[in-house]
N, C-alpha and C. Protein backbone atom coordinates (compact mmCIF):
# COMPACT_ATOMS: atom_id res chain seq x y z
N MET A 1 26.98 3.95 -23.46
CA MET A 1 26.42 4.58 -22.68
C MET A 1 24.44 4.27 -22.59
N LEU A 2 24.19 4.19 -21.31
CA LEU A 2 22.33 4.20 -20.86
C LEU A 2 21.81 5.65 -21.13
N ASN A 3 20.66 4.90 -22.29
CA ASN A 3 20.12 6.40 -22.50
C ASN A 3 19.48 5.97 -21.24
N LEU A 4 18.91 6.94 -20.20
CA LEU A 4 17.72 6.94 -18.72
C LEU A 4 17.34 7.75 -19.71
N ILE A 5 15.01 8.06 -19.54
CA ILE A 5 13.94 9.61 -19.66
C ILE A 5 14.01 9.68 -18.37
N THR A 6 13.31 10.67 -18.20
CA THR A 6 12.12 11.10 -16.71
C THR A 6 11.42 10.08 -17.22
N ASN A 7 10.62 10.43 -15.42
CA ASN A 7 8.77 9.93 -15.79
C ASN A 7 8.08 10.63 -16.34
N GLN A 8 8.61 12.23 -16.21
CA GLN A 8 7.79 12.58 -17.48
C GLN A 8 7.87 12.82 -18.98
N GLU A 9 9.26 12.91 -19.64
CA GLU A 9 9.44 12.47 -20.69
C GLU A 9 9.40 10.96 -20.61
N HIS A 10 8.39 10.11 -20.00
CA HIS A 10 8.05 9.11 -20.14
C HIS A 10 6.21 9.47 -20.38
N LYS A 11 6.06 9.70 -19.91
CA LYS A 11 4.41 10.23 -19.91
C LYS A 11 3.61 11.44 -20.94
N ASP A 12 4.69 11.64 -21.55
CA ASP A 12 4.65 12.96 -22.76
C ASP A 12 5.13 11.96 -24.33
N SER A 13 5.62 10.74 -23.94
CA SER A 13 6.24 10.34 -25.42
C SER A 13 5.10 9.53 -25.45
N GLU A 14 5.06 9.00 -27.04
CA GLU A 14 3.93 8.68 -27.55
C GLU A 14 3.35 6.73 -27.14
N LEU A 15 4.33 6.65 -27.01
CA LEU A 15 4.44 4.86 -26.27
C LEU A 15 3.54 4.74 -25.25
N TYR A 16 3.99 6.43 -23.87
CA TYR A 16 3.24 6.24 -22.75
C TYR A 16 1.22 6.35 -23.03
N LYS A 17 1.63 7.61 -24.38
CA LYS A 17 -0.35 7.78 -25.30
C LYS A 17 -1.30 6.90 -25.07
N GLN A 18 -0.33 5.81 -26.00
CA GLN A 18 -0.31 4.54 -26.89
C GLN A 18 -1.37 3.95 -25.67
N GLU A 19 -0.28 3.61 -24.64
CA GLU A 19 -0.23 2.26 -24.23
C GLU A 19 -1.17 2.76 -23.32
N GLN A 20 -1.91 4.47 -22.48
CA GLN A 20 -3.16 5.07 -21.88
C GLN A 20 -4.64 4.35 -23.67
N ALA A 21 -4.62 4.53 -24.27
CA ALA A 21 -5.44 4.68 -24.56
C ALA A 21 -6.01 3.55 -25.11
N GLN A 22 -5.45 1.88 -24.32
CA GLN A 22 -5.65 0.34 -24.51
C GLN A 22 -6.07 -0.12 -24.07
N ILE A 23 -6.08 0.45 -21.79
CA ILE A 23 -6.39 0.45 -20.98
C ILE A 23 -6.87 -0.04 -20.49
N VAL A 24 -8.61 -1.14 -20.99
CA VAL A 24 -9.64 -0.13 -20.93
C VAL A 24 -10.18 -0.62 -18.85
N GLU A 25 -11.28 0.18 -18.46
CA GLU A 25 -11.99 -0.08 -17.65
C GLU A 25 -13.00 -1.65 -17.28
N ILE A 26 -12.91 -1.58 -16.01
CA ILE A 26 -13.31 -3.14 -15.81
C ILE A 26 -14.63 -2.97 -15.72
N LYS A 27 -15.05 -1.78 -16.11
CA LYS A 27 -16.90 -1.19 -16.31
C LYS A 27 -17.45 -1.67 -17.99
N ASP A 28 -15.97 -1.30 -18.97
CA ASP A 28 -16.36 -1.20 -19.86
C ASP A 28 -16.41 -2.69 -20.31
N LYS A 29 -15.59 -3.94 -20.05
CA LYS A 29 -15.83 -5.31 -20.31
C LYS A 29 -17.01 -5.71 -20.09
N VAL A 30 -16.85 -7.25 -20.91
CA VAL A 30 -18.45 -7.18 -21.12
C VAL A 30 -17.50 -8.68 -20.84
N ALA A 31 -16.29 -9.27 -20.98
CA ALA A 31 -15.62 -10.38 -19.80
C ALA A 31 -14.71 -10.20 -18.83
N LEU A 32 -14.62 -10.79 -18.02
CA LEU A 32 -13.74 -10.41 -16.97
C LEU A 32 -12.46 -11.10 -16.38
N THR A 33 -11.31 -11.22 -16.73
CA THR A 33 -10.19 -12.75 -15.93
C THR A 33 -10.99 -13.13 -14.41
N ILE A 34 -10.41 -14.34 -14.33
CA ILE A 34 -11.19 -14.66 -12.74
C ILE A 34 -10.57 -13.27 -11.87
N ARG A 35 -9.30 -13.02 -11.68
CA ARG A 35 -8.49 -12.11 -11.24
C ARG A 35 -9.11 -11.24 -10.95
N GLU A 36 -9.22 -10.02 -11.97
CA GLU A 36 -10.90 -8.38 -12.29
C GLU A 36 -11.95 -8.79 -12.04
N ALA A 37 -12.15 -10.27 -11.52
CA ALA A 37 -13.06 -10.27 -11.04
C ALA A 37 -13.29 -11.04 -9.54
N ALA A 38 -11.96 -10.93 -9.06
CA ALA A 38 -12.07 -11.02 -7.67
C ALA A 38 -12.42 -9.86 -6.88
N GLU A 39 -11.06 -8.75 -7.88
CA GLU A 39 -10.73 -7.58 -7.36
C GLU A 39 -12.06 -6.92 -7.91
N TYR A 40 -13.14 -6.86 -8.30
CA TYR A 40 -14.29 -6.50 -8.32
C TYR A 40 -15.13 -6.32 -7.51
N SER A 41 -15.67 -8.09 -7.60
CA SER A 41 -16.17 -7.94 -6.15
C SER A 41 -16.02 -7.48 -5.50
N ASN A 42 -14.48 -8.40 -4.54
CA ASN A 42 -14.44 -8.76 -3.38
C ASN A 42 -14.64 -10.06 -3.28
N ILE A 43 -14.54 -10.92 -4.32
CA ILE A 43 -15.06 -12.60 -3.25
C ILE A 43 -13.40 -13.23 -4.03
N GLY A 44 -13.35 -13.62 -3.30
CA GLY A 44 -12.13 -14.65 -3.55
C GLY A 44 -11.51 -15.30 -4.00
N ILE A 45 -10.22 -15.29 -5.26
CA ILE A 45 -10.19 -16.01 -6.49
C ILE A 45 -10.39 -17.31 -6.30
N ASN A 46 -10.46 -18.02 -5.41
CA ASN A 46 -10.85 -19.42 -5.00
C ASN A 46 -12.53 -20.22 -4.78
N LYS A 47 -13.58 -19.13 -3.92
CA LYS A 47 -14.17 -19.42 -4.29
C LYS A 47 -15.48 -19.01 -5.58
N LEU A 48 -14.21 -17.88 -6.49
CA LEU A 48 -14.83 -17.70 -8.12
C LEU A 48 -14.53 -19.07 -8.75
N GLU A 49 -13.10 -19.20 -8.22
CA GLU A 49 -13.32 -20.86 -8.88
C GLU A 49 -13.94 -21.57 -9.10
N SER A 50 -14.62 -21.93 -7.28
CA SER A 50 -15.64 -23.09 -7.08
C SER A 50 -16.41 -22.98 -8.39
N LEU A 51 -17.28 -21.41 -8.10
CA LEU A 51 -18.68 -20.95 -8.87
C LEU A 51 -18.32 -21.78 -9.73
N LEU A 52 -17.11 -21.25 -10.64
CA LEU A 52 -17.61 -21.18 -11.48
C LEU A 52 -17.08 -23.39 -12.07
N ARG A 53 -16.94 -23.28 -11.71
CA ARG A 53 -16.60 -25.34 -11.67
C ARG A 53 -18.13 -26.07 -12.07
N SER A 54 -19.30 -25.15 -11.03
CA SER A 54 -19.99 -25.55 -11.06
C SER A 54 -21.14 -25.46 -12.86
N PRO A 55 -21.80 -26.74 -12.67
CA PRO A 55 -22.03 -27.03 -13.97
C PRO A 55 -23.81 -26.23 -14.54
N ARG A 56 -24.07 -25.70 -13.86
CA ARG A 56 -24.71 -24.41 -14.29
C ARG A 56 -24.65 -23.08 -14.03
N CYS A 57 -23.42 -22.96 -13.84
CA CYS A 57 -22.90 -21.83 -13.82
C CYS A 57 -23.55 -20.71 -14.49
N PRO A 58 -24.03 -19.86 -14.61
CA PRO A 58 -24.61 -18.66 -15.50
C PRO A 58 -24.13 -17.81 -15.98
N PHE A 59 -22.91 -17.31 -15.60
CA PHE A 59 -21.81 -16.85 -16.21
C PHE A 59 -20.27 -16.35 -16.44
N VAL A 60 -20.49 -18.26 -16.77
CA VAL A 60 -18.81 -18.81 -17.54
C VAL A 60 -18.63 -18.45 -18.61
N LEU A 61 -18.11 -18.02 -18.53
CA LEU A 61 -17.43 -18.48 -20.65
C LEU A 61 -16.14 -18.55 -21.05
N TYR A 62 -16.36 -19.54 -21.30
CA TYR A 62 -15.17 -20.85 -22.32
C TYR A 62 -14.49 -20.20 -22.79
N VAL A 63 -12.95 -19.91 -22.88
CA VAL A 63 -12.56 -19.37 -24.24
C VAL A 63 -10.84 -20.36 -24.87
N GLY A 64 -11.83 -21.93 -25.05
CA GLY A 64 -10.65 -23.09 -25.01
C GLY A 64 -10.13 -23.71 -23.88
N LYS A 65 -9.62 -23.45 -23.47
CA LYS A 65 -9.52 -23.81 -21.58
C LYS A 65 -9.29 -22.79 -20.68
N LYS A 66 -9.57 -21.66 -20.71
CA LYS A 66 -8.96 -20.33 -20.42
C LYS A 66 -11.08 -20.33 -20.42
N LYS A 67 -11.08 -19.67 -18.95
CA LYS A 67 -12.34 -19.31 -18.02
C LYS A 67 -12.50 -17.48 -17.60
N LEU A 68 -13.50 -17.10 -18.40
CA LEU A 68 -13.29 -15.58 -18.12
C LEU A 68 -15.04 -15.46 -17.46
N VAL A 69 -15.18 -14.90 -17.04
CA VAL A 69 -16.77 -14.38 -15.73
C VAL A 69 -17.66 -12.90 -16.76
N LYS A 70 -18.54 -13.71 -17.70
CA LYS A 70 -19.56 -12.64 -18.10
C LYS A 70 -19.63 -11.36 -17.70
N ARG A 71 -19.40 -10.40 -17.36
CA ARG A 71 -18.89 -9.47 -15.67
C ARG A 71 -20.43 -9.29 -15.91
N LYS A 72 -21.91 -9.26 -17.17
CA LYS A 72 -22.87 -8.40 -16.32
C LYS A 72 -23.25 -9.85 -15.85
N GLU A 73 -23.95 -10.82 -16.02
CA GLU A 73 -24.47 -11.83 -15.37
C GLU A 73 -23.99 -12.18 -14.42
N PHE A 74 -22.83 -11.52 -14.13
CA PHE A 74 -21.95 -11.91 -12.64
C PHE A 74 -22.01 -10.87 -11.78
N GLU A 75 -22.69 -9.80 -12.54
CA GLU A 75 -23.70 -8.97 -11.18
C GLU A 75 -24.79 -9.21 -11.06
N LYS A 76 -25.91 -9.72 -12.11
CA LYS A 76 -26.85 -10.28 -11.82
C LYS A 76 -27.26 -11.77 -10.64
N PHE A 77 -25.83 -12.35 -10.77
CA PHE A 77 -25.74 -13.17 -10.17
C PHE A 77 -25.52 -12.32 -8.54
N ILE A 78 -24.74 -12.05 -8.53
CA ILE A 78 -24.47 -11.41 -7.20
C ILE A 78 -25.65 -10.61 -6.24
N ALA A 79 -26.47 -9.66 -7.63
CA ALA A 79 -27.56 -8.99 -6.70
C ALA A 79 -28.42 -9.96 -6.65
N ASP A 80 -29.19 -11.35 -7.07
CA ASP A 80 -29.56 -12.28 -7.56
C ASP A 80 -29.87 -12.95 -5.71
N ASN A 81 -28.14 -12.86 -4.58
CA ASN A 81 -28.27 -14.18 -4.68
C ASN A 81 -27.44 -13.31 -2.92
N ILE A 82 -28.25 -14.21 -1.57
CA ILE A 82 -27.34 -12.85 -0.30
C ILE A 82 -26.51 -13.27 -0.15
N GLU A 83 -26.43 -15.06 -0.31
CA GLU A 83 -25.40 -15.56 0.02
C GLU A 83 -24.37 -16.22 -0.73
N ILE A 84 -23.25 -16.68 -1.32
CA ILE A 84 -22.22 -17.51 -1.86
C ILE A 84 -21.96 -18.53 -0.67
């Protein structure tokens, strides 16, 4: 027999509380994924990937082969430029 729980029972569960405690808001992150940076800035993923490929990109952070966006440097880049 399936043991189904209601949405309220899930929200009251200890597992749900642990899941919510692990969520970090974008404003509190040091580095963002490309998708997070795109959502945060309203700049498309393709444009961000293009910017991250440039040799002197001030906000790229390599973690192995993965590229992340340094949030504060990215914010400064946006503030300092009127066109990208």
